[in-house]
Amino acid sequence: LNVMQFSLIDVLLRHKKTKIVLYTYDSILIDYADDENLLDEIKSNLAFNFSIKSGMNYNEMEKM
């Protein structure tokens, strides 16, 4: 199920600056371009519970 969900997001991001940069079996790390405003669209493609963290780098990520 996760792979299918992540594939939908990958298609959504195909011609965008926002990209999936890392994924594991149950999580994805997205390099998000603020000017694209895709967060709601990405969230609508996820059918499972999730949390969102944001930060300028991986060490500074905080729950939104």
N, C-alpha and C. Protein backbone atom coordinates (compact mmCIF):
# COMPACT_ATOMS: atom_id res chain seq x y z
N LEU A 1 0.83 -1.20 0.00
CA LEU A 1 0.00 0.00 0.00
C LEU A 1 0.87 1.26 0.00
N ASN A 2 1.94 1.24 0.81
CA ASN A 2 2.82 2.41 0.86
C ASN A 2 3.45 2.71 -0.49
N VAL A 3 3.92 1.68 -1.17
CA VAL A 3 4.56 1.88 -2.47
C VAL A 3 3.59 2.49 -3.46
N MET A 4 2.35 2.04 -3.45
CA MET A 4 1.34 2.61 -4.36
C MET A 4 1.09 4.07 -4.02
N GLN A 5 1.01 4.40 -2.74
CA GLN A 5 0.77 5.79 -2.32
C GLN A 5 1.95 6.67 -2.73
N PHE A 6 3.17 6.19 -2.47
CA PHE A 6 4.36 6.98 -2.80
C PHE A 6 4.48 7.16 -4.30
N SER A 7 4.05 6.16 -5.08
CA SER A 7 4.08 6.27 -6.54
C SER A 7 3.15 7.38 -7.02
N LEU A 8 1.97 7.49 -6.40
CA LEU A 8 1.05 8.57 -6.76
C LEU A 8 1.67 9.94 -6.49
N ILE A 9 2.35 10.05 -5.36
CA ILE A 9 3.01 11.32 -5.03
C ILE A 9 4.14 11.59 -6.00
N ASP A 10 4.88 10.55 -6.37
CA ASP A 10 5.98 10.72 -7.34
C ASP A 10 5.45 11.25 -8.67
N VAL A 11 4.32 10.74 -9.12
CA VAL A 11 3.70 11.23 -10.37
C VAL A 11 3.28 12.69 -10.21
N LEU A 12 2.69 13.03 -9.07
CA LEU A 12 2.28 14.40 -8.80
C LEU A 12 3.47 15.37 -8.87
N LEU A 13 4.62 14.91 -8.42
CA LEU A 13 5.81 15.77 -8.35
C LEU A 13 6.70 15.70 -9.59
N ARG A 14 6.30 14.94 -10.57
CA ARG A 14 7.16 14.66 -11.73
C ARG A 14 7.76 15.91 -12.37
N HIS A 15 7.00 16.97 -12.56
CA HIS A 15 7.51 18.18 -13.23
C HIS A 15 7.57 19.36 -12.27
N LYS A 16 7.82 19.07 -11.00
CA LYS A 16 7.87 20.11 -9.97
C LYS A 16 9.29 20.21 -9.40
N LYS A 17 9.53 21.29 -8.68
CA LYS A 17 10.81 21.43 -7.96
C LYS A 17 10.82 20.59 -6.70
N THR A 18 9.65 20.37 -6.09
CA THR A 18 9.52 19.53 -4.90
C THR A 18 9.79 18.09 -5.31
N LYS A 19 10.65 17.38 -4.55
CA LYS A 19 11.03 16.02 -4.90
C LYS A 19 11.09 15.13 -3.67
N ILE A 20 10.79 13.84 -3.86
CA ILE A 20 11.04 12.84 -2.83
C ILE A 20 12.54 12.55 -2.87
N VAL A 21 13.22 12.72 -1.73
CA VAL A 21 14.66 12.50 -1.70
C VAL A 21 15.04 11.25 -0.93
N LEU A 22 14.12 10.71 -0.13
CA LEU A 22 14.40 9.50 0.64
C LEU A 22 13.09 8.84 1.01
N TYR A 23 13.04 7.53 0.90
CA TYR A 23 11.88 6.82 1.42
C TYR A 23 12.32 5.51 2.05
N THR A 24 11.60 5.12 3.07
CA THR A 24 11.78 3.82 3.70
C THR A 24 10.44 3.12 3.62
N TYR A 25 10.30 2.00 4.28
CA TYR A 25 9.07 1.24 4.13
C TYR A 25 7.83 1.99 4.60
N ASP A 26 7.97 2.97 5.48
CA ASP A 26 6.77 3.66 5.98
C ASP A 26 6.93 5.17 6.09
N SER A 27 7.92 5.74 5.44
CA SER A 27 8.07 7.20 5.51
C SER A 27 8.76 7.73 4.26
N ILE A 28 8.52 9.02 4.01
CA ILE A 28 9.18 9.69 2.90
C ILE A 28 9.73 11.03 3.40
N LEU A 29 10.85 11.40 2.83
CA LEU A 29 11.46 12.71 3.08
C LEU A 29 11.36 13.49 1.78
N ILE A 30 10.74 14.66 1.86
CA ILE A 30 10.49 15.47 0.66
C ILE A 30 11.26 16.77 0.77
N ASP A 31 12.02 17.10 -0.27
CA ASP A 31 12.64 18.41 -0.40
C ASP A 31 11.57 19.30 -1.01
N TYR A 32 10.95 20.12 -0.17
CA TYR A 32 9.74 20.86 -0.52
C TYR A 32 10.05 22.29 -0.94
N ALA A 33 9.57 22.67 -2.13
CA ALA A 33 9.72 24.04 -2.61
C ALA A 33 8.54 24.86 -2.12
N ASP A 34 8.78 25.85 -1.27
CA ASP A 34 7.71 26.66 -0.67
C ASP A 34 6.82 27.33 -1.71
N ASP A 35 7.39 27.75 -2.81
CA ASP A 35 6.61 28.49 -3.80
C ASP A 35 5.63 27.62 -4.59
N GLU A 36 5.70 26.31 -4.45
CA GLU A 36 4.78 25.43 -5.19
C GLU A 36 3.48 25.14 -4.43
N ASN A 37 3.47 25.29 -3.12
CA ASN A 37 2.27 25.14 -2.31
C ASN A 37 1.53 23.83 -2.61
N LEU A 38 2.24 22.70 -2.51
CA LEU A 38 1.69 21.39 -2.84
C LEU A 38 1.30 20.56 -1.63
N LEU A 39 1.48 21.06 -0.43
CA LEU A 39 1.30 20.25 0.77
C LEU A 39 -0.10 19.66 0.87
N ASP A 40 -1.15 20.44 0.60
CA ASP A 40 -2.51 19.91 0.68
C ASP A 40 -2.75 18.82 -0.36
N GLU A 41 -2.20 19.00 -1.53
CA GLU A 41 -2.36 18.01 -2.60
C GLU A 41 -1.62 16.72 -2.25
N ILE A 42 -0.45 16.84 -1.66
CA ILE A 42 0.30 15.66 -1.23
C ILE A 42 -0.47 14.93 -0.12
N LYS A 43 -0.96 15.68 0.87
CA LYS A 43 -1.71 15.08 1.97
C LYS A 43 -2.95 14.35 1.47
N SER A 44 -3.62 14.88 0.47
CA SER A 44 -4.85 14.26 -0.04
C SER A 44 -4.58 12.92 -0.72
N ASN A 45 -3.33 12.65 -1.11
CA ASN A 45 -2.98 11.38 -1.75
C ASN A 45 -2.57 10.31 -0.74
N LEU A 46 -2.51 10.65 0.53
CA LEU A 46 -2.10 9.68 1.55
C LEU A 46 -3.32 9.14 2.27
N ALA A 47 -3.48 7.83 2.25
CA ALA A 47 -4.66 7.20 2.85
C ALA A 47 -4.39 6.68 4.26
N PHE A 48 -3.20 6.90 4.79
CA PHE A 48 -2.86 6.41 6.12
C PHE A 48 -2.50 7.56 7.04
N ASN A 49 -2.43 7.29 8.33
CA ASN A 49 -2.05 8.32 9.29
C ASN A 49 -0.62 8.76 9.05
N PHE A 50 -0.38 10.03 9.23
CA PHE A 50 0.96 10.55 8.99
C PHE A 50 1.20 11.76 9.87
N SER A 51 2.46 12.08 10.04
CA SER A 51 2.84 13.32 10.71
C SER A 51 3.75 14.09 9.78
N ILE A 52 3.80 15.39 9.97
CA ILE A 52 4.61 16.25 9.12
C ILE A 52 5.60 16.99 9.99
N LYS A 53 6.85 16.96 9.56
CA LYS A 53 7.89 17.73 10.23
C LYS A 53 8.54 18.62 9.18
N SER A 54 9.03 19.77 9.63
CA SER A 54 9.61 20.73 8.71
C SER A 54 10.88 21.31 9.32
N GLY A 55 11.84 21.66 8.47
CA GLY A 55 13.06 22.30 8.93
C GLY A 55 13.98 22.61 7.77
N MET A 56 14.95 23.46 8.02
CA MET A 56 15.90 23.83 6.96
C MET A 56 16.85 22.69 6.63
N ASN A 57 17.09 21.79 7.60
CA ASN A 57 17.87 20.59 7.35
C ASN A 57 17.33 19.47 8.24
N TYR A 58 17.82 18.26 8.05
CA TYR A 58 17.28 17.10 8.75
C TYR A 58 17.38 17.23 10.27
N ASN A 59 18.46 17.81 10.77
CA ASN A 59 18.66 17.96 12.22
C ASN A 59 17.74 19.00 12.85
N GLU A 60 17.23 19.92 12.09
CA GLU A 60 16.39 21.00 12.62
C GLU A 60 14.89 20.76 12.41
N MET A 61 14.52 19.55 11.99
CA MET A 61 13.11 19.28 11.71
C MET A 61 12.28 19.24 12.98
N GLU A 62 11.12 19.91 12.94
CA GLU A 62 10.20 19.97 14.06
C GLU A 62 8.80 19.65 13.57
N LYS A 63 8.00 19.04 14.42
CA LYS A 63 6.63 18.68 14.06
C LYS A 63 5.82 19.94 13.79
N MET A 64 5.04 19.92 12.73
CA MET A 64 4.19 21.06 12.35
C MET A 64 2.83 20.94 13.03
